[in-house]
Amino acid sequence: MTEPADLLLRRRSVPAFMLRAPGPDAGQIETLLTAASRVPDHGKLVPWRFILVEGEFRAHLAEKLAAVELAAGTDPQKVADNKKKFDAPLTVIVVSRAGPHVKIPEWEQVLSAGAVCMNLILAAHALGFAANWLTGAAIYDRAGADVLELAHSEKVAGLIFIGTADQAPPDRPRPPLDEIVSRWQG
């Protein structure tokens, strides 16, 4: 098996609360973002962008999003658990900028942002880091979007938490291929 194929078959999400230092350095972050940007992008619209959250700003963002969650009535224990995710050394917020276009369907633009998230996770794994792709109620709420200073046309495609795993999580059950594959035969 080739090394890239092995990488794909070994990849798994590591819970964000298990991600610790060291995180990627500046050069590795540039590599991660460059790799993440190499996705299908019909029309070369670049319908996504990145927000990096590092250092002490991780705790600031966690506090602001926690306030949004609490105001929305989220269980305080869940809010406390969500704040722990920002202990990961790096959070890359992938923002979808999909919108109406004369030729390119909005759905294809959203898929491009999703591909950015997956490439980012694969690149982190290839560099020896672990990652987790999450979303959450706070970032879908307009108040959460305002915390991130998103335009009204922008949405978060994913919060990608990156760091070093305390331990490798067990693999989760995967669906048998015969349950998810069909063959079109006319």
Protein backbone atom coordinates (compact mmCIF):
# COMPACT_ATOMS: atom_id res chain seq x y z
CA MET A 1 0.00 0.00 0.00
CA THR A 2 1.27 3.49 -0.77
CA GLU A 3 2.10 5.92 2.02
CA PRO A 4 -0.76 8.33 1.07
CA ALA A 5 -3.27 5.47 1.02
CA ASP A 6 -2.04 4.29 4.41
CA LEU A 7 -2.40 7.83 5.76
CA LEU A 8 -6.03 7.95 4.59
CA LEU A 9 -6.83 4.56 6.07
CA ARG A 10 -5.24 5.40 9.45
CA ARG A 11 -6.79 8.85 9.82
CA ARG A 12 -9.28 9.32 12.60
CA SER A 13 -10.60 12.22 14.58
CA VAL A 14 -9.09 12.82 18.00
CA PRO A 15 -11.44 14.49 20.50
CA ALA A 16 -10.48 18.16 20.81
CA PHE A 17 -10.09 17.91 24.60
CA MET A 18 -7.28 15.36 24.00
CA LEU A 19 -5.20 17.77 21.88
CA ARG A 20 -2.20 19.30 23.61
CA ALA A 21 1.04 21.13 22.80
CA PRO A 22 3.06 21.08 20.77
CA GLY A 23 0.97 22.47 18.00
CA PRO A 24 2.18 23.44 14.56
CA ASP A 25 4.77 26.19 14.28
CA ALA A 26 4.46 29.11 11.82
CA GLY A 27 6.02 27.18 8.93
CA GLN A 28 3.81 24.16 9.56
CA ILE A 29 0.72 26.37 9.76
CA GLU A 30 1.61 27.81 6.35
CA THR A 31 1.98 24.26 5.00
CA LEU A 32 -1.37 23.26 6.52
CA LEU A 33 -3.21 26.23 5.02
CA THR A 34 -1.54 25.79 1.63
CA ALA A 35 -2.53 22.11 1.55
CA ALA A 36 -6.04 22.95 2.74
CA SER A 37 -6.41 25.45 -0.11
CA ARG A 38 -5.66 22.86 -2.80
CA VAL A 39 -9.23 21.71 -3.27
CA PRO A 40 -11.70 21.52 -6.14
CA ASP A 41 -13.04 25.04 -6.65
CA HIS A 42 -15.32 25.30 -9.68
CA GLY A 43 -14.85 28.73 -11.21
CA LYS A 44 -11.86 29.56 -8.98
CA LEU A 45 -14.17 31.53 -6.68
CA VAL A 46 -12.28 30.69 -3.45
CA PRO A 47 -15.59 30.50 -1.57
CA TRP A 48 -13.91 30.13 1.82
CA ARG A 49 -11.38 31.75 4.12
CA PHE A 50 -9.50 30.99 7.34
CA ILE A 51 -9.52 32.50 10.83
CA LEU A 52 -6.61 31.37 13.03
CA VAL A 53 -7.04 31.28 16.80
CA GLU A 54 -3.84 30.83 18.80
CA GLY A 55 -2.26 31.65 22.14
CA GLU A 56 -4.28 33.56 24.70
CA PHE A 57 -6.95 34.31 22.08
CA ARG A 58 -8.14 30.69 22.37
CA ALA A 59 -9.43 31.34 25.90
CA HIS A 60 -10.94 34.69 24.85
CA LEU A 61 -12.89 33.07 22.03
CA ALA A 62 -13.96 30.17 24.27
CA GLU A 63 -15.36 32.67 26.80
CA LYS A 64 -17.22 34.69 24.16
CA LEU A 65 -18.78 31.59 22.57
CA ALA A 66 -19.66 30.27 26.03
CA ALA A 67 -21.58 33.49 26.70
CA VAL A 68 -23.52 32.95 23.45
CA GLU A 69 -24.33 29.37 24.43
CA LEU A 70 -25.44 30.32 27.94
CA ALA A 71 -27.65 33.11 26.58
CA ALA A 72 -29.26 30.53 24.29
CA GLY A 73 -30.04 28.28 27.26
CA THR A 74 -27.38 25.62 26.71
CA ASP A 75 -26.70 23.41 29.72
CA PRO A 76 -23.83 24.96 31.74
CA GLN A 77 -21.96 21.64 31.93
CA LYS A 78 -22.05 21.33 28.13
CA VAL A 79 -20.80 24.91 27.86
CA ALA A 80 -17.90 24.10 30.21
CA ASP A 81 -17.06 21.01 28.14
CA ASN A 82 -17.15 23.05 24.93
CA LYS A 83 -14.72 25.59 26.38
CA LYS A 84 -12.14 22.81 26.96
CA LYS A 85 -11.93 22.22 23.21
CA PHE A 86 -10.08 25.52 22.88
CA ASP A 87 -7.21 24.10 24.95
CA ALA A 88 -5.94 22.67 21.63
CA PRO A 89 -2.88 24.67 20.52
CA LEU A 90 -4.46 25.82 17.26
CA THR A 91 -7.99 26.34 16.04
CA VAL A 92 -8.51 27.04 12.36
CA ILE A 93 -11.99 28.32 11.61
CA VAL A 94 -12.94 27.59 8.02
CA VAL A 95 -15.50 30.13 6.85
CA SER A 96 -17.71 29.38 3.86
CA ARG A 97 -18.34 32.38 1.61
CA ALA A 98 -20.69 30.55 -0.73
CA GLY A 99 -23.18 32.72 -2.50
CA PRO A 100 -25.28 33.17 -5.61
CA HIS A 101 -23.31 33.01 -8.84
CA VAL A 102 -24.44 33.14 -12.45
CA LYS A 103 -22.67 29.87 -13.31
CA ILE A 104 -21.49 28.06 -10.16
CA PRO A 105 -24.17 26.52 -7.91
CA GLU A 106 -23.97 27.58 -4.28
CA TRP A 107 -23.97 23.91 -3.25
CA GLU A 108 -20.67 23.34 -5.10
CA GLN A 109 -19.16 26.28 -3.24
CA VAL A 110 -20.24 24.81 0.10
CA LEU A 111 -18.71 21.47 -0.88
CA SER A 112 -15.45 23.25 -1.67
CA ALA A 113 -15.35 24.66 1.87
CA GLY A 114 -15.99 21.16 3.22
CA ALA A 115 -13.10 19.86 1.12
CA VAL A 116 -10.90 22.57 2.67
CA CYS A 117 -11.78 21.23 6.13
CA MET A 118 -10.92 17.66 5.13
CA ASN A 119 -7.66 18.64 3.45
CA LEU A 120 -6.70 20.57 6.56
CA ILE A 121 -7.29 17.53 8.76
CA LEU A 122 -5.36 15.26 6.38
CA ALA A 123 -2.46 17.72 6.20
CA ALA A 124 -2.33 17.91 10.01
CA HIS A 125 -2.26 14.12 10.19
CA ALA A 126 0.49 13.97 7.52
CA LEU A 127 2.62 16.39 9.59
CA GLY A 128 2.24 14.21 12.69
CA PHE A 129 -0.50 16.17 14.42
CA ALA A 130 -4.02 15.16 15.36
CA ALA A 131 -7.15 17.12 14.52
CA ASN A 132 -10.88 17.30 15.01
CA TRP A 133 -13.52 18.98 12.84
CA LEU A 134 -16.41 20.35 14.89
CA THR A 135 -19.22 22.85 14.65
CA GLY A 136 -21.78 23.81 17.27
CA ALA A 137 -24.86 25.81 18.08
CA ALA A 138 -22.91 28.92 19.09
CA ILE A 139 -21.36 29.36 15.66
CA TYR A 140 -24.68 28.88 13.88
CA ASP A 141 -26.27 31.53 16.07
CA ARG A 142 -26.01 35.08 14.70
CA ALA A 143 -24.52 36.17 18.03
CA GLY A 144 -21.74 33.60 17.56
CA ALA A 145 -21.19 34.74 13.98
CA ASP A 146 -20.91 38.29 15.28
CA VAL A 147 -18.24 37.19 17.78
CA LEU A 148 -16.27 35.89 14.78
CA GLU A 149 -17.05 39.07 12.82
CA LEU A 150 -18.60 37.11 9.96
CA ALA A 151 -20.46 38.85 7.18
CA HIS A 152 -24.15 37.95 7.00
CA SER A 153 -23.41 35.89 3.88
CA GLU A 154 -20.69 33.83 5.64
CA LYS A 155 -21.07 30.62 7.66
CA VAL A 156 -18.63 28.50 9.61
CA ALA A 157 -17.87 25.29 7.74
CA GLY A 158 -15.84 23.98 10.64
CA LEU A 159 -13.77 24.61 13.71
CA ILE A 160 -10.64 22.53 13.10
CA PHE A 161 -8.81 21.90 16.36
CA ILE A 162 -5.16 20.86 15.86
CA GLY A 163 -2.52 19.65 18.30
CA THR A 164 -0.70 16.60 19.57
CA ALA A 165 -2.83 13.73 20.82
CA ASP A 166 -2.44 12.57 24.42
CA GLN A 167 -3.21 9.10 23.12
CA ALA A 168 -4.59 7.51 19.98
CA PRO A 169 -8.34 6.98 20.26
CA PRO A 170 -9.79 3.62 19.30
CA ASP A 171 -11.18 3.46 15.80
CA ARG A 172 -14.93 3.77 15.61
CA PRO A 173 -17.03 1.26 13.72
CA ARG A 174 -17.18 2.05 10.02
CA PRO A 175 -20.07 1.06 7.76
CA PRO A 176 -19.54 -2.09 5.71
CA LEU A 177 -19.04 -1.16 2.08
CA ASP A 178 -21.85 -3.45 0.94
CA GLU A 179 -24.25 -1.23 2.91
CA ILE A 180 -23.15 2.04 1.32
CA VAL A 181 -22.09 1.09 -2.20
CA SER A 182 -24.34 0.41 -5.15
CA ARG A 183 -23.50 -0.05 -8.79
CA TRP A 184 -25.48 1.81 -11.40
CA GLN A 185 -26.22 -0.48 -14.32
CA GLY A 186 -28.58 1.55 -16.42
